[in-house]
Amino acid sequence: MQNSQSTLPVIPGAQRDAVTAAALAVIRRALIEGTPVTRAGLAHEASIMLGASPEEALADVDEVAERLGVSSLR
């Protein structure tokens, strides 16, 4: 049977890894390239890593942050 979804759902471990990769990419750009850390920059990077819209990606970032005890970005 063929899956009707166009993308596979992100499992929690993969979601956490994608959020971590996005955060580290933003931090790396800030440290190495001097790029400012912004909400828009994090949303863009997270959307690439998670394959989601920037708004959905930030919601995923918030979900992971809250599980780790970090305050929401909202």
C-alpha atoms as a PDB file:
ATOM      1  CA  MET A   1       0.000   0.000   0.000  1.00  0.00           C
ATOM      2  CA  GLN A   2       1.282   3.467  -0.895  1.00  0.00           C
ATOM      3  CA  ASN A   3       1.536   6.183   1.738  1.00  0.00           C
ATOM      4  CA  SER A   4      -0.783   9.110   0.928  1.00  0.00           C
ATOM      5  CA  GLN A   5       1.413  11.636   2.749  1.00  0.00           C
ATOM      6  CA  SER A   6       4.019  13.487   0.726  1.00  0.00           C
ATOM      7  CA  THR A   7       6.526  13.572   3.593  1.00  0.00           C
ATOM      8  CA  LEU A   8       7.277  11.263   6.458  1.00  0.00           C
ATOM      9  CA  PRO A   9       6.313  12.526   9.907  1.00  0.00           C
ATOM     10  CA  VAL A  10       9.196  13.809  12.005  1.00  0.00           C
ATOM     11  CA  ILE A  11       9.745  11.564  15.000  1.00  0.00           C
ATOM     12  CA  PRO A  12      10.637  13.208  18.308  1.00  0.00           C
ATOM     13  CA  GLY A  13      14.342  12.239  18.188  1.00  0.00           C
ATOM     14  CA  ALA A  14      14.667  13.486  14.619  1.00  0.00           C
ATOM     15  CA  GLN A  15      12.755  16.644  15.529  1.00  0.00           C
ATOM     16  CA  ARG A  16      15.115  17.279  18.425  1.00  0.00           C
ATOM     17  CA  ASP A  17      18.139  16.695  16.193  1.00  0.00           C
ATOM     18  CA  ALA A  18      16.780  19.053  13.516  1.00  0.00           C
ATOM     19  CA  VAL A  19      16.102  21.778  16.087  1.00  0.00           C
ATOM     20  CA  THR A  20      19.599  21.288  17.530  1.00  0.00           C
ATOM     21  CA  ALA A  21      21.155  21.500  14.071  1.00  0.00           C
ATOM     22  CA  ALA A  22      19.245  24.700  13.321  1.00  0.00           C
ATOM     23  CA  ALA A  23      20.305  26.311  16.604  1.00  0.00           C
ATOM     24  CA  LEU A  24      23.935  25.308  16.119  1.00  0.00           C
ATOM     25  CA  ALA A  25      23.933  26.637  12.548  1.00  0.00           C
ATOM     26  CA  VAL A  26      22.646  30.004  13.791  1.00  0.00           C
ATOM     27  CA  ILE A  27      25.227  30.076  16.600  1.00  0.00           C
ATOM     28  CA  ARG A  28      28.024  29.107  14.197  1.00  0.00           C
ATOM     29  CA  ARG A  29      27.106  31.932  11.807  1.00  0.00           C
ATOM     30  CA  ALA A  30      27.094  34.358  14.721  1.00  0.00           C
ATOM     31  CA  LEU A  31      30.501  33.251  16.009  1.00  0.00           C
ATOM     32  CA  ILE A  32      32.304  32.713  12.705  1.00  0.00           C
ATOM     33  CA  GLU A  33      30.626  35.136  10.324  1.00  0.00           C
ATOM     34  CA  GLY A  34      29.391  37.779  12.770  1.00  0.00           C
ATOM     35  CA  THR A  35      25.793  37.352  11.621  1.00  0.00           C
ATOM     36  CA  PRO A  36      23.358  38.601  14.266  1.00  0.00           C
ATOM     37  CA  VAL A  37      21.173  36.025  15.997  1.00  0.00           C
ATOM     38  CA  THR A  38      17.576  36.867  15.176  1.00  0.00           C
ATOM     39  CA  ARG A  39      14.212  35.185  15.477  1.00  0.00           C
ATOM     40  CA  ALA A  40      13.828  35.398  11.691  1.00  0.00           C
ATOM     41  CA  GLY A  41      17.221  33.760  11.175  1.00  0.00           C
ATOM     42  CA  LEU A  42      16.361  30.912  13.527  1.00  0.00           C
ATOM     43  CA  ALA A  43      12.951  30.492  11.873  1.00  0.00           C
ATOM     44  CA  HIS A  44      14.592  30.307   8.448  1.00  0.00           C
ATOM     45  CA  GLU A  45      17.224  27.778   9.505  1.00  0.00           C
ATOM     46  CA  ALA A  46      14.709  25.659  11.426  1.00  0.00           C
ATOM     47  CA  SER A  47      12.321  25.659   8.468  1.00  0.00           C
ATOM     48  CA  ILE A  48      15.085  24.241   6.272  1.00  0.00           C
ATOM     49  CA  MET A  49      16.112  21.595   8.814  1.00  0.00           C
ATOM     50  CA  LEU A  50      12.539  20.558   9.618  1.00  0.00           C
ATOM     51  CA  GLY A  51      11.071  20.910   6.132  1.00  0.00           C
ATOM     52  CA  ALA A  52       8.285  23.112   7.443  1.00  0.00           C
ATOM     53  CA  SER A  53       7.104  26.707   7.174  1.00  0.00           C
ATOM     54  CA  PRO A  54       8.997  29.176   9.390  1.00  0.00           C
ATOM     55  CA  GLU A  55       5.971  29.448  11.703  1.00  0.00           C
ATOM     56  CA  GLU A  56       5.642  25.670  12.064  1.00  0.00           C
ATOM     57  CA  ALA A  57       9.386  25.325  12.543  1.00  0.00           C
ATOM     58  CA  LEU A  58       9.425  27.889  15.370  1.00  0.00           C
ATOM     59  CA  ALA A  59       6.565  26.004  17.011  1.00  0.00           C
ATOM     60  CA  ASP A  60       8.746  22.880  16.884  1.00  0.00           C
ATOM     61  CA  VAL A  61      11.685  24.847  18.319  1.00  0.00           C
ATOM     62  CA  ASP A  62       9.428  26.036  21.147  1.00  0.00           C
ATOM     63  CA  GLU A  63       8.222  22.479  21.785  1.00  0.00           C
ATOM     64  CA  VAL A  64      11.775  21.170  22.111  1.00  0.00           C
ATOM     65  CA  ALA A  65      12.855  24.179  24.195  1.00  0.00           C
ATOM     66  CA  GLU A  66       9.976  23.713  26.611  1.00  0.00           C
ATOM     67  CA  ARG A  67      10.774  19.997  27.014  1.00  0.00           C
ATOM     68  CA  LEU A  68      14.313  21.060  27.961  1.00  0.00           C
ATOM     69  CA  GLY A  69      13.094  23.700  30.403  1.00  0.00           C
ATOM     70  CA  VAL A  70      13.985  26.702  28.231  1.00  0.00           C
ATOM     71  CA  SER A  71      11.478  29.545  28.012  1.00  0.00           C
ATOM     72  CA  SER A  72       9.343  29.833  24.911  1.00  0.00           C
ATOM     73  CA  LEU A  73      10.344  32.170  22.087  1.00  0.00           C
ATOM     74  CA  ARG A  74       6.797  33.524  21.900  1.00  0.00           C
END
